[in-house]
Amino acid sequence: MTNLRADKFVAIFVASFENSSRAPLIIAVPSEAIGLTRSAYLEFVSLQGANTAALTFHDVALDWNWVLSEDAEAFLAQTRPEFLGYQFGLAFGLAERSLSEVAQNLSSN
């Protein structure tokens, strides 16, 4: 996962019930949760600036105070457009900067 600062973070995900008796939930688990561990930063060059690490959940007791929504489908339908707009902006900015760096290096050779 990205944006997992070593000092403090929140992992947000969708969780469904094993027997499908209820709609999936959106849950935000804080880094202080007992049973949640974070790896060291991943060593991939492309991930160095994104605080990317792996999470391991081992018998984490979920707290109902962590539930952001009891209807993941409705929550995602409401928030996805804004999130995608943010993600596209990041990708376009990164692509623009990368092309600029390539052009600068090609012209110097």
PDB file of N, CA and C in Angstrom:
ATOM      1  N   MET A   1       0.831  -1.166   0.000  1.00  0.00           N
ATOM      2  CA  MET A   1       0.000   0.000   0.000  1.00  0.00           C
ATOM      3  C   MET A   1       0.884   1.240   0.000  1.00  0.00           C
ATOM      4  N   THR A   2       0.362   2.312  -0.533  1.00  0.00           N
ATOM      5  CA  THR A   2       1.127   3.553  -0.570  1.00  0.00           C
ATOM      6  C   THR A   2       0.673   4.497   0.538  1.00  0.00           C
ATOM      7  N   ASN A   3       1.465   5.522   0.758  1.00  0.00           N
ATOM      8  CA  ASN A   3       1.194   6.559   1.753  1.00  0.00           C
ATOM      9  C   ASN A   3       1.137   6.010   3.177  1.00  0.00           C
ATOM     10  N   LEU A   4       1.951   5.002   3.444  1.00  0.00           N
ATOM     11  CA  LEU A   4       2.012   4.412   4.779  1.00  0.00           C
ATOM     12  C   LEU A   4       3.230   4.951   5.509  1.00  0.00           C
ATOM     13  N   ARG A   5       3.088   6.110   6.070  1.00  0.00           N
ATOM     14  CA  ARG A   5       4.203   6.693   6.802  1.00  0.00           C
ATOM     15  C   ARG A   5       4.572   5.777   7.960  1.00  0.00           C
ATOM     16  N   ALA A   6       5.831   5.723   8.290  1.00  0.00           N
ATOM     17  CA  ALA A   6       6.305   4.819   9.333  1.00  0.00           C
ATOM     18  C   ALA A   6       5.750   5.186  10.706  1.00  0.00           C
ATOM     19  N   ASP A   7       5.501   6.471  10.964  1.00  0.00           N
ATOM     20  CA  ASP A   7       5.073   6.880  12.291  1.00  0.00           C
ATOM     21  C   ASP A   7       3.581   6.667  12.541  1.00  0.00           C
ATOM     22  N   LYS A   8       2.734   6.909  11.549  1.00  0.00           N
ATOM     23  CA  LYS A   8       1.293   6.791  11.749  1.00  0.00           C
ATOM     24  C   LYS A   8       0.595   6.760  10.396  1.00  0.00           C
ATOM     25  N   PHE A   9      -0.413   5.890  10.273  1.00  0.00           N
ATOM     26  CA  PHE A   9      -1.186   5.788   9.037  1.00  0.00           C
ATOM     27  C   PHE A   9      -2.539   5.170   9.329  1.00  0.00           C
ATOM     28  N   VAL A  10      -3.402   5.192   8.342  1.00  0.00           N
ATOM     29  CA  VAL A  10      -4.700   4.525   8.407  1.00  0.00           C
ATOM     30  C   VAL A  10      -4.844   3.713   7.130  1.00  0.00           C
ATOM     31  N   ALA A  11      -5.193   2.445   7.266  1.00  0.00           N
ATOM     32  CA  ALA A  11      -5.438   1.572   6.114  1.00  0.00           C
ATOM     33  C   ALA A  11      -6.954   1.510   5.892  1.00  0.00           C
ATOM     34  N   ILE A  12      -7.392   1.890   4.701  1.00  0.00           N
ATOM     35  CA  ILE A  12      -8.821   1.892   4.396  1.00  0.00           C
ATOM     36  C   ILE A  12      -9.083   0.835   3.339  1.00  0.00           C
ATOM     37  N   PHE A  13     -10.094  -0.001   3.575  1.00  0.00           N
ATOM     38  CA  PHE A  13     -10.400  -1.060   2.634  1.00  0.00           C
ATOM     39  C   PHE A  13     -11.862  -1.468   2.730  1.00  0.00           C
ATOM     40  N   VAL A  14     -12.288  -2.264   1.760  1.00  0.00           N
ATOM     41  CA  VAL A  14     -13.635  -2.829   1.736  1.00  0.00           C
ATOM     42  C   VAL A  14     -13.554  -4.254   2.274  1.00  0.00           C
ATOM     43  N   ALA A  15     -14.483  -4.605   3.140  1.00  0.00           N
ATOM     44  CA  ALA A  15     -14.537  -5.949   3.703  1.00  0.00           C
ATOM     45  C   ALA A  15     -15.947  -6.501   3.539  1.00  0.00           C
ATOM     46  N   SER A  16     -16.019  -7.728   3.066  1.00  0.00           N
ATOM     47  CA  SER A  16     -17.336  -8.361   2.937  1.00  0.00           C
ATOM     48  C   SER A  16     -17.480  -9.436   4.006  1.00  0.00           C
ATOM     49  N   PHE A  17     -18.708  -9.833   4.239  1.00  0.00           N
ATOM     50  CA  PHE A  17     -18.988 -10.873   5.219  1.00  0.00           C
ATOM     51  C   PHE A  17     -18.901 -12.231   4.539  1.00  0.00           C
ATOM     52  N   GLU A  18     -18.353 -13.193   5.236  1.00  0.00           N
ATOM     53  CA  GLU A  18     -18.128 -14.519   4.669  1.00  0.00           C
ATOM     54  C   GLU A  18     -19.419 -15.146   4.145  1.00  0.00           C
ATOM     55  N   ASN A  19     -20.524 -14.961   4.838  1.00  0.00           N
ATOM     56  CA  ASN A  19     -21.782 -15.570   4.411  1.00  0.00           C
ATOM     57  C   ASN A  19     -22.652 -14.621   3.575  1.00  0.00           C
ATOM     58  N   SER A  20     -22.115 -13.460   3.225  1.00  0.00           N
ATOM     59  CA  SER A  20     -22.827 -12.455   2.415  1.00  0.00           C
ATOM     60  C   SER A  20     -24.163 -12.050   3.032  1.00  0.00           C
ATOM     61  N   SER A  21     -24.247 -12.083   4.355  1.00  0.00           N
ATOM     62  CA  SER A  21     -25.487 -11.734   5.037  1.00  0.00           C
ATOM     63  C   SER A  21     -25.737 -10.231   5.090  1.00  0.00           C
ATOM     64  N   ARG A  22     -24.695  -9.448   4.854  1.00  0.00           N
ATOM     65  CA  ARG A  22     -24.806  -7.987   4.890  1.00  0.00           C
ATOM     66  C   ARG A  22     -24.008  -7.397   3.748  1.00  0.00           C
ATOM     67  N   ALA A  23     -24.254  -6.143   3.468  1.00  0.00           N
ATOM     68  CA  ALA A  23     -23.491  -5.431   2.448  1.00  0.00           C
ATOM     69  C   ALA A  23     -22.045  -5.267   2.929  1.00  0.00           C
ATOM     70  N   PRO A  24     -21.091  -5.218   2.007  1.00  0.00           N
ATOM     71  CA  PRO A  24     -19.690  -4.983   2.401  1.00  0.00           C
ATOM     72  C   PRO A  24     -19.537  -3.640   3.114  1.00  0.00           C
ATOM     73  N   LEU A  25     -18.541  -3.560   3.985  1.00  0.00           N
ATOM     74  CA  LEU A  25     -18.258  -2.365   4.779  1.00  0.00           C
ATOM     75  C   LEU A  25     -17.016  -1.654   4.251  1.00  0.00           C
ATOM     76  N   ILE A  26     -16.923  -0.358   4.512  1.00  0.00           N
ATOM     77  CA  ILE A  26     -15.679   0.399   4.313  1.00  0.00           C
ATOM     78  C   ILE A  26     -15.106   0.580   5.715  1.00  0.00           C
ATOM     79  N   ILE A  27     -13.867   0.120   5.911  1.00  0.00           N
ATOM     80  CA  ILE A  27     -13.243   0.142   7.234  1.00  0.00           C
ATOM     81  C   ILE A  27     -11.918   0.896   7.177  1.00  0.00           C
ATOM     82  N   ALA A  28     -11.677   1.706   8.192  1.00  0.00           N
ATOM     83  CA  ALA A  28     -10.416   2.444   8.337  1.00  0.00           C
ATOM     84  C   ALA A  28      -9.709   1.938   9.590  1.00  0.00           C
ATOM     85  N   VAL A  29      -8.626   1.188   9.406  1.00  0.00           N
ATOM     86  CA  VAL A  29      -7.899   0.595  10.534  1.00  0.00           C
ATOM     87  C   VAL A  29      -6.667   1.450  10.835  1.00  0.00           C
ATOM     88  N   PRO A  30      -6.563   1.974  12.059  1.00  0.00           N
ATOM     89  CA  PRO A  30      -5.402   2.799  12.408  1.00  0.00           C
ATOM     90  C   PRO A  30      -4.144   1.955  12.611  1.00  0.00           C
ATOM     91  N   SER A  31      -3.007   2.567  12.404  1.00  0.00           N
ATOM     92  CA  SER A  31      -1.728   1.861  12.526  1.00  0.00           C
ATOM     93  C   SER A  31      -1.487   1.308  13.920  1.00  0.00           C
ATOM     94  N   GLU A  32      -2.157   1.843  14.915  1.00  0.00           N
ATOM     95  CA  GLU A  32      -1.962   1.382  16.296  1.00  0.00           C
ATOM     96  C   GLU A  32      -2.741   0.104  16.610  1.00  0.00           C
ATOM     97  N   ALA A  33      -3.542  -0.410  15.665  1.00  0.00           N
ATOM     98  CA  ALA A  33      -4.357  -1.598  15.924  1.00  0.00           C
ATOM     99  C   ALA A  33      -3.477  -2.783  16.297  1.00  0.00           C
ATOM    100  N   ILE A  34      -3.853  -3.488  17.328  1.00  0.00           N
ATOM    101  CA  ILE A  34      -3.098  -4.658  17.773  1.00  0.00           C
ATOM    102  C   ILE A  34      -3.243  -5.762  16.726  1.00  0.00           C
ATOM    103  N   GLY A  35      -2.106  -6.294  16.286  1.00  0.00           N
ATOM    104  CA  GLY A  35      -2.093  -7.337  15.263  1.00  0.00           C
ATOM    105  C   GLY A  35      -1.800  -6.829  13.861  1.00  0.00           C
ATOM    106  N   LEU A  36      -1.738  -5.509  13.693  1.00  0.00           N
ATOM    107  CA  LEU A  36      -1.406  -4.917  12.387  1.00  0.00           C
ATOM    108  C   LEU A  36       0.069  -4.551  12.381  1.00  0.00           C
ATOM    109  N   THR A  37       0.811  -5.065  11.402  1.00  0.00           N
ATOM    110  CA  THR A  37       2.228  -4.715  11.280  1.00  0.00           C
ATOM    111  C   THR A  37       2.508  -4.174   9.887  1.00  0.00           C
ATOM    112  N   ARG A  38       3.486  -3.300   9.829  1.00  0.00           N
ATOM    113  CA  ARG A  38       3.897  -2.651   8.583  1.00  0.00           C
ATOM    114  C   ARG A  38       5.328  -3.063   8.282  1.00  0.00           C
ATOM    115  N   SER A  39       5.599  -3.400   7.023  1.00  0.00           N
ATOM    116  CA  SER A  39       6.959  -3.760   6.625  1.00  0.00           C
ATOM    117  C   SER A  39       7.815  -2.500   6.501  1.00  0.00           C
ATOM    118  N   ALA A  40       9.086  -2.709   6.279  1.00  0.00           N
ATOM    119  CA  ALA A  40       9.964  -1.593   5.924  1.00  0.00           C
ATOM    120  C   ALA A  40       9.517  -1.094   4.550  1.00  0.00           C
ATOM    121  N   TYR A  41       9.955   0.083   4.169  1.00  0.00           N
ATOM    122  CA  TYR A  41       9.615   0.599   2.845  1.00  0.00           C
ATOM    123  C   TYR A  41      10.066  -0.387   1.779  1.00  0.00           C
ATOM    124  N   LEU A  42       9.267  -0.564   0.754  1.00  0.00           N
ATOM    125  CA  LEU A  42       9.646  -1.440  -0.343  1.00  0.00           C
ATOM    126  C   LEU A  42      10.769  -0.791  -1.130  1.00  0.00           C
ATOM    127  N   GLU A  43      11.663  -1.579  -1.658  1.00  0.00           N
ATOM    128  CA  GLU A  43      12.893  -1.080  -2.265  1.00  0.00           C
ATOM    129  C   GLU A  43      12.799  -0.780  -3.758  1.00  0.00           C
ATOM    130  N   PHE A  44      11.624  -0.813  -4.342  1.00  0.00           N
ATOM    131  CA  PHE A  44      11.484  -0.514  -5.764  1.00  0.00           C
ATOM    132  C   PHE A  44      11.707   0.974  -6.012  1.00  0.00           C
ATOM    133  N   VAL A  45      12.514   1.310  -6.994  1.00  0.00           N
ATOM    134  CA  VAL A  45      12.854   2.703  -7.278  1.00  0.00           C
ATOM    135  C   VAL A  45      11.606   3.547  -7.511  1.00  0.00           C
ATOM    136  N   SER A  46      10.665   3.010  -8.260  1.00  0.00           N
ATOM    137  CA  SER A  46       9.471   3.791  -8.601  1.00  0.00           C
ATOM    138  C   SER A  46       8.580   4.056  -7.384  1.00  0.00           C
ATOM    139  N   LEU A  47       8.810   3.390  -6.273  1.00  0.00           N
ATOM    140  CA  LEU A  47       7.963   3.545  -5.089  1.00  0.00           C
ATOM    141  C   LEU A  47       8.640   4.299  -3.952  1.00  0.00           C
ATOM    142  N   GLN A  48       9.870   4.736  -4.151  1.00  0.00           N
ATOM    143  CA  GLN A  48      10.637   5.343  -3.073  1.00  0.00           C
ATOM    144  C   GLN A  48       9.975   6.584  -2.478  1.00  0.00           C
ATOM    145  N   GLY A  49       9.322   7.386  -3.283  1.00  0.00           N
ATOM    146  CA  GLY A  49       8.722   8.621  -2.770  1.00  0.00           C
ATOM    147  C   GLY A  49       7.292   8.478  -2.311  1.00  0.00           C
ATOM    148  N   ALA A  50       6.745   7.269  -2.323  1.00  0.00           N
ATOM    149  CA  ALA A  50       5.323   7.097  -2.037  1.00  0.00           C
ATOM    150  C   ALA A  50       5.040   6.419  -0.698  1.00  0.00           C
ATOM    151  N   ASN A  51       6.058   6.263   0.158  1.00  0.00           N
ATOM    152  CA  ASN A  51       5.851   5.600   1.445  1.00  0.00           C
ATOM    153  C   ASN A  51       5.144   4.261   1.276  1.00  0.00           C
ATOM    154  N   THR A  52       5.616   3.459   0.326  1.00  0.00           N
ATOM    155  CA  THR A  52       4.981   2.183   0.008  1.00  0.00           C
ATOM    156  C   THR A  52       5.559   1.071   0.861  1.00  0.00           C
ATOM    157  N   ALA A  53       4.665   0.316   1.502  1.00  0.00           N
ATOM    158  CA  ALA A  53       5.043  -0.790   2.364  1.00  0.00           C
ATOM    159  C   ALA A  53       3.949  -1.845   2.300  1.00  0.00           C
ATOM    160  N   ALA A  54       4.231  -3.000   2.871  1.00  0.00           N
ATOM    161  CA  ALA A  54       3.239  -4.078   2.944  1.00  0.00           C
ATOM    162  C   ALA A  54       2.647  -4.110   4.348  1.00  0.00           C
ATOM    163  N   LEU A  55       1.375  -4.477   4.428  1.00  0.00           N
ATOM    164  CA  LEU A  55       0.707  -4.621   5.715  1.00  0.00           C
ATOM    165  C   LEU A  55       0.374  -6.077   5.963  1.00  0.00           C
ATOM    166  N   THR A  56       0.475  -6.492   7.223  1.00  0.00           N
ATOM    167  CA  THR A  56       0.063  -7.829   7.628  1.00  0.00           C
ATOM    168  C   THR A  56      -0.961  -7.679   8.748  1.00  0.00           C
ATOM    169  N   PHE A  57      -2.128  -8.272   8.537  1.00  0.00           N
ATOM    170  CA  PHE A  57      -3.182  -8.273   9.544  1.00  0.00           C
ATOM    171  C   PHE A  57      -3.202  -9.666  10.173  1.00  0.00           C
ATOM    172  N   HIS A  58      -2.926  -9.746  11.468  1.00  0.00           N
ATOM    173  CA  HIS A  58      -2.930 -11.039  12.154  1.00  0.00           C
ATOM    174  C   HIS A  58      -3.864 -10.946  13.366  1.00  0.00           C
ATOM    175  N   ASP A  59      -5.033 -11.527  13.229  1.00  0.00           N
ATOM    176  CA  ASP A  59      -6.034 -11.526  14.306  1.00  0.00           C
ATOM    177  C   ASP A  59      -6.342 -10.121  14.814  1.00  0.00           C
ATOM    178  N   VAL A  60      -6.499  -9.174  13.891  1.00  0.00           N
ATOM    179  CA  VAL A  60      -6.855  -7.806  14.278  1.00  0.00           C
ATOM    180  C   VAL A  60      -8.332  -7.797  14.672  1.00  0.00           C
ATOM    181  N   ALA A  61      -8.612  -7.401  15.895  1.00  0.00           N
ATOM    182  CA  ALA A  61      -9.997  -7.292  16.365  1.00  0.00           C
ATOM    183  C   ALA A  61     -10.571  -5.976  15.855  1.00  0.00           C
ATOM    184  N   LEU A  62     -11.560  -6.075  14.982  1.00  0.00           N
ATOM    185  CA  LEU A  62     -12.126  -4.867  14.388  1.00  0.00           C
ATOM    186  C   LEU A  62     -13.013  -4.128  15.381  1.00  0.00           C
ATOM    187  N   ASP A  63     -12.925  -2.832  15.349  1.00  0.00           N
ATOM    188  CA  ASP A  63     -13.699  -1.951  16.218  1.00  0.00           C
ATOM    189  C   ASP A  63     -14.765  -1.278  15.351  1.00  0.00           C
ATOM    190  N   TRP A  64     -16.028  -1.322  15.766  1.00  0.00           N
ATOM    191  CA  TRP A  64     -17.097  -0.716  14.953  1.00  0.00           C
ATOM    192  C   TRP A  64     -16.902   0.783  14.787  1.00  0.00           C
ATOM    193  N   ASN A  65     -16.083   1.410  15.620  1.00  0.00           N
ATOM    194  CA  ASN A  65     -15.783   2.841  15.446  1.00  0.00           C
ATOM    195  C   ASN A  65     -14.948   3.082  14.191  1.00  0.00           C
ATOM    196  N   TRP A  66     -14.340   2.044  13.645  1.00  0.00           N
ATOM    197  CA  TRP A  66     -13.517   2.172  12.437  1.00  0.00           C
ATOM    198  C   TRP A  66     -14.343   2.097  11.158  1.00  0.00           C
ATOM    199  N   VAL A  67     -15.607   1.748  11.254  1.00  0.00           N
ATOM    200  CA  VAL A  67     -16.455   1.591  10.067  1.00  0.00           C
ATOM    201  C   VAL A  67     -16.821   2.978   9.520  1.00  0.00           C
ATOM    202  N   LEU A  68     -16.421   3.237   8.278  1.00  0.00           N
ATOM    203  CA  LEU A  68     -16.755   4.495   7.620  1.00  0.00           C
ATOM    204  C   LEU A  68     -18.124   4.427   6.969  1.00  0.00           C
ATOM    205  N   SER A  69     -18.476   3.242   6.475  1.00  0.00           N
ATOM    206  CA  SER A  69     -19.771   3.060   5.826  1.00  0.00           C
ATOM    207  C   SER A  69     -20.195   1.600   5.935  1.00  0.00           C
ATOM    208  N   GLU A  70     -21.476   1.395   6.195  1.00  0.00           N
ATOM    209  CA  GLU A  70     -22.011   0.032   6.233  1.00  0.00           C
ATOM    210  C   GLU A  70     -22.559  -0.384   4.877  1.00  0.00           C
ATOM    211  N   ASP A  71     -22.360   0.468   3.861  1.00  0.00           N
ATOM    212  CA  ASP A  71     -22.786   0.156   2.497  1.00  0.00           C
ATOM    213  C   ASP A  71     -21.680   0.593   1.541  1.00  0.00           C
ATOM    214  N   ALA A  72     -20.722  -0.300   1.316  1.00  0.00           N
ATOM    215  CA  ALA A  72     -19.555   0.033   0.502  1.00  0.00           C
ATOM    216  C   ALA A  72     -19.936   0.476  -0.908  1.00  0.00           C
ATOM    217  N   GLU A  73     -20.918  -0.171  -1.503  1.00  0.00           N
ATOM    218  CA  GLU A  73     -21.304   0.168  -2.878  1.00  0.00           C
ATOM    219  C   GLU A  73     -21.769   1.620  -2.977  1.00  0.00           C
ATOM    220  N   ALA A  74     -22.624   2.059  -2.080  1.00  0.00           N
ATOM    221  CA  ALA A  74     -23.104   3.444  -2.103  1.00  0.00           C
ATOM    222  C   ALA A  74     -21.970   4.421  -1.797  1.00  0.00           C
ATOM    223  N   PHE A  75     -21.131   4.068  -0.824  1.00  0.00           N
ATOM    224  CA  PHE A  75     -20.001   4.918  -0.447  1.00  0.00           C
ATOM    225  C   PHE A  75     -19.059   5.123  -1.629  1.00  0.00           C
ATOM    226  N   LEU A  76     -18.709   4.033  -2.301  1.00  0.00           N
ATOM    227  CA  LEU A  76     -17.794   4.132  -3.441  1.00  0.00           C
ATOM    228  C   LEU A  76     -18.416   4.894  -4.602  1.00  0.00           C
ATOM    229  N   ALA A  77     -19.696   4.689  -4.843  1.00  0.00           N
ATOM    230  CA  ALA A  77     -20.366   5.428  -5.922  1.00  0.00           C
ATOM    231  C   ALA A  77     -20.325   6.931  -5.659  1.00  0.00           C
ATOM    232  N   GLN A  78     -20.410   7.311  -4.400  1.00  0.00           N
ATOM    233  CA  GLN A  78     -20.402   8.727  -4.041  1.00  0.00           C
ATOM    234  C   GLN A  78     -19.001   9.328  -4.086  1.00  0.00           C
ATOM    235  N   THR A  79     -17.981   8.572  -3.674  1.00  0.00           N
ATOM    236  CA  THR A  79     -16.633   9.136  -3.549  1.00  0.00           C
ATOM    237  C   THR A  79     -15.713   8.853  -4.734  1.00  0.00           C
ATOM    238  N   ARG A  80     -16.010   7.858  -5.532  1.00  0.00           N
ATOM    239  CA  ARG A  80     -15.115   7.457  -6.617  1.00  0.00           C
ATOM    240  C   ARG A  80     -14.826   8.590  -7.620  1.00  0.00           C
ATOM    241  N   PRO A  81     -15.808   9.369  -8.064  1.00  0.00           N
ATOM    242  CA  PRO A  81     -15.481  10.423  -9.051  1.00  0.00           C
ATOM    243  C   PRO A  81     -14.411  11.406  -8.564  1.00  0.00           C
ATOM    244  N   GLU A  82     -14.509  11.841  -7.311  1.00  0.00           N
ATOM    245  CA  GLU A  82     -13.502  12.766  -6.781  1.00  0.00           C
ATOM    246  C   GLU A  82     -12.137  12.094  -6.667  1.00  0.00           C
ATOM    247  N   PHE A  83     -12.134  10.863  -6.213  1.00  0.00           N
ATOM    248  CA  PHE A  83     -10.877  10.124  -6.061  1.00  0.00           C
ATOM    249  C   PHE A  83     -10.206   9.915  -7.414  1.00  0.00           C
ATOM    250  N   LEU A  84     -10.977   9.526  -8.419  1.00  0.00           N
ATOM    251  CA  LEU A  84     -10.403   9.322  -9.748  1.00  0.00           C
ATOM    252  C   LEU A  84      -9.843  10.624 -10.312  1.00  0.00           C
ATOM    253  N   GLY A  85     -10.542  11.722 -10.083  1.00  0.00           N
ATOM    254  CA  GLY A  85     -10.034  13.019 -10.537  1.00  0.00           C
ATOM    255  C   GLY A  85      -8.685  13.328  -9.916  1.00  0.00           C
ATOM    256  N   TYR A  86      -8.534  13.024  -8.653  1.00  0.00           N
ATOM    257  CA  TYR A  86      -7.263  13.231  -7.958  1.00  0.00           C
ATOM    258  C   TYR A  86      -6.182  12.321  -8.533  1.00  0.00           C
ATOM    259  N   GLN A  87      -6.511  11.055  -8.737  1.00  0.00           N
ATOM    260  CA  GLN A  87      -5.539  10.098  -9.262  1.00  0.00           C
ATOM    261  C   GLN A  87      -5.101  10.464 -10.679  1.00  0.00           C
ATOM    262  N   PHE A  88      -6.025  10.867 -11.532  1.00  0.00           N
ATOM    263  CA  PHE A  88      -5.660  11.256 -12.896  1.00  0.00           C
ATOM    264  C   PHE A  88      -4.743  12.470 -12.879  1.00  0.00           C
ATOM    265  N   GLY A  89      -5.018  13.415 -12.006  1.00  0.00           N
ATOM    266  CA  GLY A  89      -4.167  14.600 -11.905  1.00  0.00           C
ATOM    267  C   GLY A  89      -2.739  14.229 -11.542  1.00  0.00           C
ATOM    268  N   LEU A  90      -2.583  13.295 -10.608  1.00  0.00           N
ATOM    269  CA  LEU A  90      -1.244  12.840 -10.231  1.00  0.00           C
ATOM    270  C   LEU A  90      -0.526  12.196 -11.414  1.00  0.00           C
ATOM    271  N   ALA A  91      -1.235  11.320 -12.139  1.00  0.00           N
ATOM    272  CA  ALA A  91      -0.624  10.620 -13.274  1.00  0.00           C
ATOM    273  C   ALA A  91      -0.226  11.595 -14.371  1.00  0.00           C
ATOM    274  N   PHE A  92      -1.088  12.560 -14.671  1.00  0.00           N
ATOM    275  CA  PHE A  92      -0.762  13.516 -15.721  1.00  0.00           C
ATOM    276  C   PHE A  92       0.422  14.387 -15.325  1.00  0.00           C
ATOM    277  N   GLY A  93       0.488  14.793 -14.075  1.00  0.00           N
ATOM    278  CA  GLY A  93       1.615  15.593 -13.603  1.00  0.00           C
ATOM    279  C   GLY A  93       2.920  14.817 -13.667  1.00  0.00           C
ATOM    280  N   LEU A  94       2.868  13.540 -13.280  1.00  0.00           N
ATOM    281  CA  LEU A  94       4.057  12.695 -13.333  1.00  0.00           C
ATOM    282  C   LEU A  94       4.509  12.479 -14.776  1.00  0.00           C
ATOM    283  N   ALA A  95       3.561  12.222 -15.670  1.00  0.00           N
ATOM    284  CA  ALA A  95       3.900  12.021 -17.084  1.00  0.00           C
ATOM    285  C   ALA A  95       4.510  13.292 -17.675  1.00  0.00           C
ATOM    286  N   GLU A  96       3.922  14.437 -17.365  1.00  0.00           N
ATOM    287  CA  GLU A  96       4.437  15.704 -17.885  1.00  0.00           C
ATOM    288  C   GLU A  96       5.870  15.952 -17.407  1.00  0.00           C
ATOM    289  N   ARG A  97       6.121  15.715 -16.146  1.00  0.00           N
ATOM    290  CA  ARG A  97       7.467  15.924 -15.592  1.00  0.00           C
ATOM    291  C   ARG A  97       8.459  14.936 -16.198  1.00  0.00           C
ATOM    292  N   SER A  98       8.043  13.682 -16.366  1.00  0.00           N
ATOM    293  CA  SER A  98       8.924  12.665 -16.950  1.00  0.00           C
ATOM    294  C   SER A  98       9.312  13.035 -18.373  1.00  0.00           C
ATOM    295  N   LEU A  99       8.331  13.447 -19.170  1.00  0.00           N
ATOM    296  CA  LEU A  99       8.623  13.852 -20.552  1.00  0.00           C
ATOM    297  C   LEU A  99       9.543  15.067 -20.586  1.00  0.00           C
ATOM    298  N   SER A 100       9.343  15.983 -19.661  1.00  0.00           N
ATOM    299  CA  SER A 100      10.200  17.165 -19.582  1.00  0.00           C
ATOM    300  C   SER A 100      11.653  16.765 -19.285  1.00  0.00           C
ATOM    301  N   GLU A 101      11.836  15.842 -18.360  1.00  0.00           N
ATOM    302  CA  GLU A 101      13.185  15.379 -18.010  1.00  0.00           C
ATOM    303  C   GLU A 101      13.847  14.653 -19.195  1.00  0.00           C
ATOM    304  N   VAL A 102      13.079  13.852 -19.900  1.00  0.00           N
ATOM    305  CA  VAL A 102      13.612  13.146 -21.071  1.00  0.00           C
ATOM    306  C   VAL A 102      14.033  14.150 -22.141  1.00  0.00           C
ATOM    307  N   ALA A 103      13.169  15.125 -22.404  1.00  0.00           N
ATOM    308  CA  ALA A 103      13.491  16.147 -23.409  1.00  0.00           C
ATOM    309  C   ALA A 103      14.748  16.908 -23.011  1.00  0.00           C
ATOM    310  N   GLN A 104      14.890  17.235 -21.768  1.00  0.00           N
ATOM    311  CA  GLN A 104      16.074  17.952 -21.276  1.00  0.00           C
ATOM    312  C   GLN A 104      17.331  17.114 -21.453  1.00  0.00           C
ATOM    313  N   ASN A 105      17.264  15.830 -21.154  1.00  0.00           N
ATOM    314  CA  ASN A 105      18.430  14.960 -21.286  1.00  0.00           C
ATOM    315  C   ASN A 105      18.775  14.696 -22.743  1.00  0.00           C
ATOM    316  N   LEU A 106      17.770  14.573 -23.606  1.00  0.00           N
ATOM    317  CA  LEU A 106      18.048  14.347 -25.028  1.00  0.00           C
ATOM    318  C   LEU A 106      18.711  15.555 -25.674  1.00  0.00           C
ATOM    319  N   SER A 107      18.275  16.743 -25.263  1.00  0.00           N
ATOM    320  CA  SER A 107      18.842  17.947 -25.868  1.00  0.00           C
ATOM    321  C   SER A 107      20.269  18.218 -25.379  1.00  0.00           C
ATOM    322  N   SER A 108      20.639  17.673 -24.224  1.00  0.00           N
ATOM    323  CA  SER A 108      21.994  17.907 -23.714  1.00  0.00           C
ATOM    324  C   SER A 108      23.018  16.944 -24.319  1.00  0.00           C
ATOM    325  N   ASN A 109      22.555  15.885 -24.975  1.00  0.00           N
ATOM    326  CA  ASN A 109      23.486  14.927 -25.597  1.00  0.00           C
ATOM    327  C   ASN A 109      23.723  15.347 -27.005  1.00  0.00           C
TER     328      ASN A 109
END
